[in-house]
Amino acid sequence: AALAAARAPAWLDAWQDDLWSTAA
């Protein structure tokens, strides 16, 4: 699980935040 989490895209959180700034 830790390895899979580490392989998840590092930019995931930043991408999510960028989406919701568009909503604002």
mmCIF file of all heavy atoms, coordinates in Angstrom:
data_MODEL
# 
_entry.id   MODEL 
# 
loop_
_atom_site.group_PDB 
_atom_site.id 
_atom_site.type_symbol 
_atom_site.label_atom_id 
_atom_site.label_alt_id 
_atom_site.label_comp_id 
_atom_site.label_asym_id 
_atom_site.label_entity_id 
_atom_site.label_seq_id 
_atom_site.pdbx_PDB_ins_code 
_atom_site.Cartn_x 
_atom_site.Cartn_y 
_atom_site.Cartn_z 
_atom_site.occupancy 
_atom_site.B_iso_or_equiv 
_atom_site.pdbx_formal_charge 
_atom_site.auth_seq_id 
_atom_site.auth_comp_id 
_atom_site.auth_asym_id 
_atom_site.auth_atom_id 
_atom_site.pdbx_PDB_model_num 
ATOM 1   N N   . ALA A 1 1  ? 0.840   -1.207 0.000   1.00 0.00 ? 1  ALA A N   1 
ATOM 2   C CA  . ALA A 1 1  ? 0.000   0.000  0.000   1.00 0.00 ? 1  ALA A CA  1 
ATOM 3   C C   . ALA A 1 1  ? 0.868   1.247  0.000   1.00 0.00 ? 1  ALA A C   1 
ATOM 4   O O   . ALA A 1 1  ? 0.591   2.226  -0.702  1.00 0.00 ? 1  ALA A O   1 
ATOM 5   C CB  . ALA A 1 1  ? -0.920  -0.013 1.213   1.00 0.00 ? 1  ALA A CB  1 
ATOM 6   N N   . ALA A 1 2  ? 1.956   1.211  0.813   1.00 0.00 ? 2  ALA A N   1 
ATOM 7   C CA  . ALA A 1 2  ? 2.838   2.369  0.875   1.00 0.00 ? 2  ALA A CA  1 
ATOM 8   C C   . ALA A 1 2  ? 3.522   2.604  -0.466  1.00 0.00 ? 2  ALA A C   1 
ATOM 9   O O   . ALA A 1 2  ? 3.667   3.739  -0.926  1.00 0.00 ? 2  ALA A O   1 
ATOM 10  C CB  . ALA A 1 2  ? 3.879   2.162  1.976   1.00 0.00 ? 2  ALA A CB  1 
ATOM 11  N N   . LEU A 1 3  ? 3.943   1.494  -1.132  1.00 0.00 ? 3  LEU A N   1 
ATOM 12  C CA  . LEU A 1 3  ? 4.577   1.623  -2.429  1.00 0.00 ? 3  LEU A CA  1 
ATOM 13  C C   . LEU A 1 3  ? 3.613   2.176  -3.476  1.00 0.00 ? 3  LEU A C   1 
ATOM 14  O O   . LEU A 1 3  ? 3.953   3.062  -4.257  1.00 0.00 ? 3  LEU A O   1 
ATOM 15  C CB  . LEU A 1 3  ? 5.099   0.264  -2.881  1.00 0.00 ? 3  LEU A CB  1 
ATOM 16  C CG  . LEU A 1 3  ? 5.819   0.227  -4.249  1.00 0.00 ? 3  LEU A CG  1 
ATOM 17  C CD1 . LEU A 1 3  ? 7.050   1.125  -4.197  1.00 0.00 ? 3  LEU A CD1 1 
ATOM 18  C CD2 . LEU A 1 3  ? 6.214   -1.208 -4.587  1.00 0.00 ? 3  LEU A CD2 1 
ATOM 19  N N   . ALA A 1 4  ? 2.370   1.678  -3.451  1.00 0.00 ? 4  ALA A N   1 
ATOM 20  C CA  . ALA A 1 4  ? 1.365   2.184  -4.403  1.00 0.00 ? 4  ALA A CA  1 
ATOM 21  C C   . ALA A 1 4  ? 1.098   3.661  -4.181  1.00 0.00 ? 4  ALA A C   1 
ATOM 22  O O   . ALA A 1 4  ? 0.967   4.432  -5.131  1.00 0.00 ? 4  ALA A O   1 
ATOM 23  C CB  . ALA A 1 4  ? 0.072   1.381  -4.264  1.00 0.00 ? 4  ALA A CB  1 
ATOM 24  N N   . ALA A 1 5  ? 1.012   4.047  -2.891  1.00 0.00 ? 5  ALA A N   1 
ATOM 25  C CA  . ALA A 1 5  ? 0.774   5.464  -2.590  1.00 0.00 ? 5  ALA A CA  1 
ATOM 26  C C   . ALA A 1 5  ? 1.930   6.303  -3.077  1.00 0.00 ? 5  ALA A C   1 
ATOM 27  O O   . ALA A 1 5  ? 1.757   7.415  -3.598  1.00 0.00 ? 5  ALA A O   1 
ATOM 28  C CB  . ALA A 1 5  ? 0.559   5.643  -1.088  1.00 0.00 ? 5  ALA A CB  1 
ATOM 29  N N   . ALA A 1 6  ? 3.170   5.780  -2.906  1.00 0.00 ? 6  ALA A N   1 
ATOM 30  C CA  . ALA A 1 6  ? 4.336   6.531  -3.336  1.00 0.00 ? 6  ALA A CA  1 
ATOM 31  C C   . ALA A 1 6  ? 4.358   6.698  -4.850  1.00 0.00 ? 6  ALA A C   1 
ATOM 32  O O   . ALA A 1 6  ? 4.871   7.688  -5.370  1.00 0.00 ? 6  ALA A O   1 
ATOM 33  C CB  . ALA A 1 6  ? 5.605   5.814  -2.875  1.00 0.00 ? 6  ALA A CB  1 
ATOM 34  N N   . ARG A 1 7  ? 3.789   5.706  -5.559  1.00 0.00 ? 7  ARG A N   1 
ATOM 35  C CA  . ARG A 1 7  ? 3.785   5.784  -7.014  1.00 0.00 ? 7  ARG A CA  1 
ATOM 36  C C   . ARG A 1 7  ? 2.658   6.661  -7.551  1.00 0.00 ? 7  ARG A C   1 
ATOM 37  O O   . ARG A 1 7  ? 2.630   6.959  -8.730  1.00 0.00 ? 7  ARG A O   1 
ATOM 38  C CB  . ARG A 1 7  ? 3.647   4.378  -7.597  1.00 0.00 ? 7  ARG A CB  1 
ATOM 39  C CG  . ARG A 1 7  ? 4.910   3.536  -7.439  1.00 0.00 ? 7  ARG A CG  1 
ATOM 40  C CD  . ARG A 1 7  ? 4.691   2.129  -7.942  1.00 0.00 ? 7  ARG A CD  1 
ATOM 41  N NE  . ARG A 1 7  ? 5.915   1.346  -7.892  1.00 0.00 ? 7  ARG A NE  1 
ATOM 42  C CZ  . ARG A 1 7  ? 5.973   0.048  -8.108  1.00 0.00 ? 7  ARG A CZ  1 
ATOM 43  N NH1 . ARG A 1 7  ? 4.851   -0.630 -8.387  1.00 0.00 ? 7  ARG A NH1 1 
ATOM 44  N NH2 . ARG A 1 7  ? 7.119   -0.594 -8.048  1.00 0.00 ? 7  ARG A NH2 1 
ATOM 45  N N   . ALA A 1 8  ? 1.702   7.005  -6.704  1.00 0.00 ? 8  ALA A N   1 
ATOM 46  C CA  . ALA A 1 8  ? 0.638   7.901  -7.152  1.00 0.00 ? 8  ALA A CA  1 
ATOM 47  C C   . ALA A 1 8  ? 1.249   9.225  -7.576  1.00 0.00 ? 8  ALA A C   1 
ATOM 48  O O   . ALA A 1 8  ? 2.262   9.659  -7.025  1.00 0.00 ? 8  ALA A O   1 
ATOM 49  C CB  . ALA A 1 8  ? -0.368  8.122  -6.030  1.00 0.00 ? 8  ALA A CB  1 
ATOM 50  N N   . PRO A 1 9  ? 0.687   9.888  -8.551  1.00 0.00 ? 9  PRO A N   1 
ATOM 51  C CA  . PRO A 1 9  ? 1.299   11.117 -9.067  1.00 0.00 ? 9  PRO A CA  1 
ATOM 52  C C   . PRO A 1 9  ? 1.538   12.146 -7.964  1.00 0.00 ? 9  PRO A C   1 
ATOM 53  O O   . PRO A 1 9  ? 0.632   12.477 -7.194  1.00 0.00 ? 9  PRO A O   1 
ATOM 54  C CB  . PRO A 1 9  ? 0.258   11.623 -10.076 1.00 0.00 ? 9  PRO A CB  1 
ATOM 55  C CG  . PRO A 1 9  ? -0.502  10.402 -10.478 1.00 0.00 ? 9  PRO A CG  1 
ATOM 56  C CD  . PRO A 1 9  ? -0.544  9.531  -9.267  1.00 0.00 ? 9  PRO A CD  1 
ATOM 57  N N   . ALA A 1 10 ? 2.740   12.671 -7.913  1.00 0.00 ? 10 ALA A N   1 
ATOM 58  C CA  . ALA A 1 10 ? 3.087   13.636 -6.870  1.00 0.00 ? 10 ALA A CA  1 
ATOM 59  C C   . ALA A 1 10 ? 2.321   14.939 -7.028  1.00 0.00 ? 10 ALA A C   1 
ATOM 60  O O   . ALA A 1 10 ? 2.155   15.697 -6.071  1.00 0.00 ? 10 ALA A O   1 
ATOM 61  C CB  . ALA A 1 10 ? 4.596   13.903 -6.909  1.00 0.00 ? 10 ALA A CB  1 
ATOM 62  N N   . TRP A 1 11 ? 1.860   15.178 -8.249  1.00 0.00 ? 11 TRP A N   1 
ATOM 63  C CA  . TRP A 1 11 ? 1.169   16.439 -8.510  1.00 0.00 ? 11 TRP A CA  1 
ATOM 64  C C   . TRP A 1 11 ? -0.342  16.358 -8.253  1.00 0.00 ? 11 TRP A C   1 
ATOM 65  O O   . TRP A 1 11 ? -1.075  17.289 -8.539  1.00 0.00 ? 11 TRP A O   1 
ATOM 66  C CB  . TRP A 1 11 ? 1.387   16.847 -9.979  1.00 0.00 ? 11 TRP A CB  1 
ATOM 67  C CG  . TRP A 1 11 ? 1.319   15.705 -10.935 1.00 0.00 ? 11 TRP A CG  1 
ATOM 68  C CD1 . TRP A 1 11 ? 2.368   15.028 -11.464 1.00 0.00 ? 11 TRP A CD1 1 
ATOM 69  C CD2 . TRP A 1 11 ? 0.146   15.084 -11.469 1.00 0.00 ? 11 TRP A CD2 1 
ATOM 70  N NE1 . TRP A 1 11 ? 1.939   14.016 -12.292 1.00 0.00 ? 11 TRP A NE1 1 
ATOM 71  C CE2 . TRP A 1 11 ? 0.580   14.027 -12.318 1.00 0.00 ? 11 TRP A CE2 1 
ATOM 72  C CE3 . TRP A 1 11 ? -1.215  15.288 -11.308 1.00 0.00 ? 11 TRP A CE3 1 
ATOM 73  C CZ2 . TRP A 1 11 ? -0.303  13.206 -13.004 1.00 0.00 ? 11 TRP A CZ2 1 
ATOM 74  C CZ3 . TRP A 1 11 ? -2.094  14.468 -11.984 1.00 0.00 ? 11 TRP A CZ3 1 
ATOM 75  C CH2 . TRP A 1 11 ? -1.647  13.441 -12.820 1.00 0.00 ? 11 TRP A CH2 1 
ATOM 76  N N   . LEU A 1 12 ? -0.809  15.204 -7.710  1.00 0.00 ? 12 LEU A N   1 
ATOM 77  C CA  . LEU A 1 12 ? -2.248  14.989 -7.572  1.00 0.00 ? 12 LEU A CA  1 
ATOM 78  C C   . LEU A 1 12 ? -2.916  16.096 -6.759  1.00 0.00 ? 12 LEU A C   1 
ATOM 79  O O   . LEU A 1 12 ? -3.901  16.698 -7.186  1.00 0.00 ? 12 LEU A O   1 
ATOM 80  C CB  . LEU A 1 12 ? -2.513  13.635 -6.931  1.00 0.00 ? 12 LEU A CB  1 
ATOM 81  C CG  . LEU A 1 12 ? -3.989  13.278 -6.690  1.00 0.00 ? 12 LEU A CG  1 
ATOM 82  C CD1 . LEU A 1 12 ? -4.753  13.259 -7.993  1.00 0.00 ? 12 LEU A CD1 1 
ATOM 83  C CD2 . LEU A 1 12 ? -4.100  11.926 -5.995  1.00 0.00 ? 12 LEU A CD2 1 
ATOM 84  N N   . ASP A 1 13 ? -2.368  16.379 -5.562  1.00 0.00 ? 13 ASP A N   1 
ATOM 85  C CA  . ASP A 1 13 ? -2.987  17.387 -4.704  1.00 0.00 ? 13 ASP A CA  1 
ATOM 86  C C   . ASP A 1 13 ? -2.969  18.762 -5.358  1.00 0.00 ? 13 ASP A C   1 
ATOM 87  O O   . ASP A 1 13 ? -3.953  19.506 -5.300  1.00 0.00 ? 13 ASP A O   1 
ATOM 88  C CB  . ASP A 1 13 ? -2.272  17.443 -3.352  1.00 0.00 ? 13 ASP A CB  1 
ATOM 89  C CG  . ASP A 1 13 ? -2.514  16.177 -2.542  1.00 0.00 ? 13 ASP A CG  1 
ATOM 90  O OD1 . ASP A 1 13 ? -3.529  15.499 -2.794  1.00 0.00 ? 13 ASP A OD1 1 
ATOM 91  O OD2 . ASP A 1 13 ? -1.679  15.875 -1.675  1.00 0.00 ? 13 ASP A OD2 1 
ATOM 92  N N   . ALA A 1 14 ? -1.864  19.111 -6.004  1.00 0.00 ? 14 ALA A N   1 
ATOM 93  C CA  . ALA A 1 14 ? -1.770  20.417 -6.661  1.00 0.00 ? 14 ALA A CA  1 
ATOM 94  C C   . ALA A 1 14 ? -2.767  20.520 -7.801  1.00 0.00 ? 14 ALA A C   1 
ATOM 95  O O   . ALA A 1 14 ? -3.385  21.567 -8.020  1.00 0.00 ? 14 ALA A O   1 
ATOM 96  C CB  . ALA A 1 14 ? -0.347  20.646 -7.171  1.00 0.00 ? 14 ALA A CB  1 
ATOM 97  N N   . TRP A 1 15 ? -2.943  19.418 -8.549  1.00 0.00 ? 15 TRP A N   1 
ATOM 98  C CA  . TRP A 1 15 ? -3.905  19.417 -9.657  1.00 0.00 ? 15 TRP A CA  1 
ATOM 99  C C   . TRP A 1 15 ? -5.322  19.619 -9.144  1.00 0.00 ? 15 TRP A C   1 
ATOM 100 O O   . TRP A 1 15 ? -6.110  20.373 -9.711  1.00 0.00 ? 15 TRP A O   1 
ATOM 101 C CB  . TRP A 1 15 ? -3.770  18.098 -10.407 1.00 0.00 ? 15 TRP A CB  1 
ATOM 102 C CG  . TRP A 1 15 ? -4.666  17.989 -11.610 1.00 0.00 ? 15 TRP A CG  1 
ATOM 103 C CD1 . TRP A 1 15 ? -4.416  18.458 -12.851 1.00 0.00 ? 15 TRP A CD1 1 
ATOM 104 C CD2 . TRP A 1 15 ? -5.945  17.365 -11.661 1.00 0.00 ? 15 TRP A CD2 1 
ATOM 105 N NE1 . TRP A 1 15 ? -5.466  18.159 -13.688 1.00 0.00 ? 15 TRP A NE1 1 
ATOM 106 C CE2 . TRP A 1 15 ? -6.413  17.487 -12.977 1.00 0.00 ? 15 TRP A CE2 1 
ATOM 107 C CE3 . TRP A 1 15 ? -6.744  16.709 -10.730 1.00 0.00 ? 15 TRP A CE3 1 
ATOM 108 C CZ2 . TRP A 1 15 ? -7.635  16.983 -13.380 1.00 0.00 ? 15 TRP A CZ2 1 
ATOM 109 C CZ3 . TRP A 1 15 ? -7.963  16.205 -11.137 1.00 0.00 ? 15 TRP A CZ3 1 
ATOM 110 C CH2 . TRP A 1 15 ? -8.403  16.341 -12.440 1.00 0.00 ? 15 TRP A CH2 1 
ATOM 111 N N   . GLN A 1 16 ? -5.662  18.940 -8.034  1.00 0.00 ? 16 GLN A N   1 
ATOM 112 C CA  . GLN A 1 16 ? -6.982  19.108 -7.442  1.00 0.00 ? 16 GLN A CA  1 
ATOM 113 C C   . GLN A 1 16 ? -7.211  20.549 -7.019  1.00 0.00 ? 16 GLN A C   1 
ATOM 114 O O   . GLN A 1 16 ? -8.273  21.136 -7.264  1.00 0.00 ? 16 GLN A O   1 
ATOM 115 C CB  . GLN A 1 16 ? -7.143  18.175 -6.246  1.00 0.00 ? 16 GLN A CB  1 
ATOM 116 C CG  . GLN A 1 16 ? -7.226  16.706 -6.604  1.00 0.00 ? 16 GLN A CG  1 
ATOM 117 C CD  . GLN A 1 16 ? -7.182  15.808 -5.383  1.00 0.00 ? 16 GLN A CD  1 
ATOM 118 O OE1 . GLN A 1 16 ? -6.501  16.113 -4.411  1.00 0.00 ? 16 GLN A OE1 1 
ATOM 119 N NE2 . GLN A 1 16 ? -7.891  14.700 -5.436  1.00 0.00 ? 16 GLN A NE2 1 
ATOM 120 N N   . ASP A 1 17 ? -6.217  21.149 -6.357  1.00 0.00 ? 17 ASP A N   1 
ATOM 121 C CA  . ASP A 1 17 ? -6.347  22.537 -5.899  1.00 0.00 ? 17 ASP A CA  1 
ATOM 122 C C   . ASP A 1 17 ? -6.509  23.491 -7.071  1.00 0.00 ? 17 ASP A C   1 
ATOM 123 O O   . ASP A 1 17 ? -7.272  24.461 -7.010  1.00 0.00 ? 17 ASP A O   1 
ATOM 124 C CB  . ASP A 1 17 ? -5.138  22.932 -5.059  1.00 0.00 ? 17 ASP A CB  1 
ATOM 125 C CG  . ASP A 1 17 ? -5.101  22.197 -3.720  1.00 0.00 ? 17 ASP A CG  1 
ATOM 126 O OD1 . ASP A 1 17 ? -6.155  21.677 -3.306  1.00 0.00 ? 17 ASP A OD1 1 
ATOM 127 O OD2 . ASP A 1 17 ? -4.024  22.143 -3.108  1.00 0.00 ? 17 ASP A OD2 1 
ATOM 128 N N   . ASP A 1 18 ? -5.810  23.223 -8.162  1.00 0.00 ? 18 ASP A N   1 
ATOM 129 C CA  . ASP A 1 18 ? -5.931  24.069 -9.350  1.00 0.00 ? 18 ASP A CA  1 
ATOM 130 C C   . ASP A 1 18 ? -7.338  23.995 -9.931  1.00 0.00 ? 18 ASP A C   1 
ATOM 131 O O   . ASP A 1 18 ? -7.913  25.013 -10.343 1.00 0.00 ? 18 ASP A O   1 
ATOM 132 C CB  . ASP A 1 18 ? -4.908  23.637 -10.403 1.00 0.00 ? 18 ASP A CB  1 
ATOM 133 C CG  . ASP A 1 18 ? -5.096  24.389 -11.715 1.00 0.00 ? 18 ASP A CG  1 
ATOM 134 O OD1 . ASP A 1 18 ? -4.868  25.614 -11.724 1.00 0.00 ? 18 ASP A OD1 1 
ATOM 135 O OD2 . ASP A 1 18 ? -5.486  23.764 -12.722 1.00 0.00 ? 18 ASP A OD2 1 
ATOM 136 N N   . LEU A 1 19 ? -7.912  22.791 -9.953  1.00 0.00 ? 19 LEU A N   1 
ATOM 137 C CA  . LEU A 1 19 ? -9.285  22.655 -10.444 1.00 0.00 ? 19 LEU A CA  1 
ATOM 138 C C   . LEU A 1 19 ? -10.237 23.521 -9.640  1.00 0.00 ? 19 LEU A C   1 
ATOM 139 O O   . LEU A 1 19 ? -11.039 24.278 -10.194 1.00 0.00 ? 19 LEU A O   1 
ATOM 140 C CB  . LEU A 1 19 ? -9.718  21.196 -10.346 1.00 0.00 ? 19 LEU A CB  1 
ATOM 141 C CG  . LEU A 1 19 ? -9.583  20.304 -11.569 1.00 0.00 ? 19 LEU A CG  1 
ATOM 142 C CD1 . LEU A 1 19 ? -10.116 18.920 -11.261 1.00 0.00 ? 19 LEU A CD1 1 
ATOM 143 C CD2 . LEU A 1 19 ? -10.314 20.889 -12.767 1.00 0.00 ? 19 LEU A CD2 1 
ATOM 144 N N   . TRP A 1 20 ? -10.173 23.416 -8.329  1.00 0.00 ? 20 TRP A N   1 
ATOM 145 C CA  . TRP A 1 20 ? -11.133 24.143 -7.505  1.00 0.00 ? 20 TRP A CA  1 
ATOM 146 C C   . TRP A 1 20 ? -10.871 25.632 -7.465  1.00 0.00 ? 20 TRP A C   1 
ATOM 147 O O   . TRP A 1 20 ? -11.777 26.416 -7.195  1.00 0.00 ? 20 TRP A O   1 
ATOM 148 C CB  . TRP A 1 20 ? -11.198 23.522 -6.111  1.00 0.00 ? 20 TRP A CB  1 
ATOM 149 C CG  . TRP A 1 20 ? -11.933 22.220 -6.159  1.00 0.00 ? 20 TRP A CG  1 
ATOM 150 C CD1 . TRP A 1 20 ? -11.411 20.972 -6.199  1.00 0.00 ? 20 TRP A CD1 1 
ATOM 151 C CD2 . TRP A 1 20 ? -13.360 22.049 -6.258  1.00 0.00 ? 20 TRP A CD2 1 
ATOM 152 N NE1 . TRP A 1 20 ? -12.407 20.020 -6.304  1.00 0.00 ? 20 TRP A NE1 1 
ATOM 153 C CE2 . TRP A 1 20 ? -13.609 20.649 -6.337  1.00 0.00 ? 20 TRP A CE2 1 
ATOM 154 C CE3 . TRP A 1 20 ? -14.440 22.929 -6.272  1.00 0.00 ? 20 TRP A CE3 1 
ATOM 155 C CZ2 . TRP A 1 20 ? -14.898 20.117 -6.426  1.00 0.00 ? 20 TRP A CZ2 1 
ATOM 156 C CZ3 . TRP A 1 20 ? -15.719 22.400 -6.375  1.00 0.00 ? 20 TRP A CZ3 1 
ATOM 157 C CH2 . TRP A 1 20 ? -15.940 21.024 -6.446  1.00 0.00 ? 20 TRP A CH2 1 
ATOM 158 N N   . SER A 1 21 ? -9.653  26.080 -7.777  1.00 0.00 ? 21 SER A N   1 
ATOM 159 C CA  . SER A 1 21 ? -9.436  27.529 -7.925  1.00 0.00 ? 21 SER A CA  1 
ATOM 160 C C   . SER A 1 21 ? -10.153 28.033 -9.170  1.00 0.00 ? 21 SER A C   1 
ATOM 161 O O   . SER A 1 21 ? -10.648 29.160 -9.207  1.00 0.00 ? 21 SER A O   1 
ATOM 162 C CB  . SER A 1 21 ? -7.937  27.840 -7.994  1.00 0.00 ? 21 SER A CB  1 
ATOM 163 O OG  . SER A 1 21 ? -7.355  27.328 -9.176  1.00 0.00 ? 21 SER A OG  1 
ATOM 164 N N   . THR A 1 22 ? -10.246 27.180 -10.199 1.00 0.00 ? 22 THR A N   1 
ATOM 165 C CA  . THR A 1 22 ? -11.042 27.535 -11.384 1.00 0.00 ? 22 THR A CA  1 
ATOM 166 C C   . THR A 1 22 ? -12.508 27.707 -11.006 1.00 0.00 ? 22 THR A C   1 
ATOM 167 O O   . THR A 1 22 ? -13.187 28.632 -11.492 1.00 0.00 ? 22 THR A O   1 
ATOM 168 C CB  . THR A 1 22 ? -10.895 26.446 -12.461 1.00 0.00 ? 22 THR A CB  1 
ATOM 169 O OG1 . THR A 1 22 ? -9.537  26.324 -12.832 1.00 0.00 ? 22 THR A OG1 1 
ATOM 170 C CG2 . THR A 1 22 ? -11.726 26.785 -13.697 1.00 0.00 ? 22 THR A CG2 1 
ATOM 171 N N   . ALA A 1 23 ? -13.006 26.827 -10.142 1.00 0.00 ? 23 ALA A N   1 
ATOM 172 C CA  . ALA A 1 23 ? -14.398 26.950 -9.698  1.00 0.00 ? 23 ALA A CA  1 
ATOM 173 C C   . ALA A 1 23 ? -14.640 28.281 -9.003  1.00 0.00 ? 23 ALA A C   1 
ATOM 174 O O   . ALA A 1 23 ? -15.688 28.925 -9.201  1.00 0.00 ? 23 ALA A O   1 
ATOM 175 C CB  . ALA A 1 23 ? -14.754 25.790 -8.774  1.00 0.00 ? 23 ALA A CB  1 
ATOM 176 N N   . ALA A 1 24 ? -13.692 28.708 -8.180  1.00 0.00 ? 24 ALA A N   1 
ATOM 177 C CA  . ALA A 1 24 ? -13.854 29.991 -7.486  1.00 0.00 ? 24 ALA A CA  1 
ATOM 178 C C   . ALA A 1 24 ? -13.912 31.156 -8.476  1.00 0.00 ? 24 ALA A C   1 
ATOM 179 O O   . ALA A 1 24 ? -14.695 32.097 -8.309  1.00 0.00 ? 24 ALA A O   1 
ATOM 180 C CB  . ALA A 1 24 ? -12.703 30.187 -6.493  1.00 0.00 ? 24 ALA A CB  1 
# 
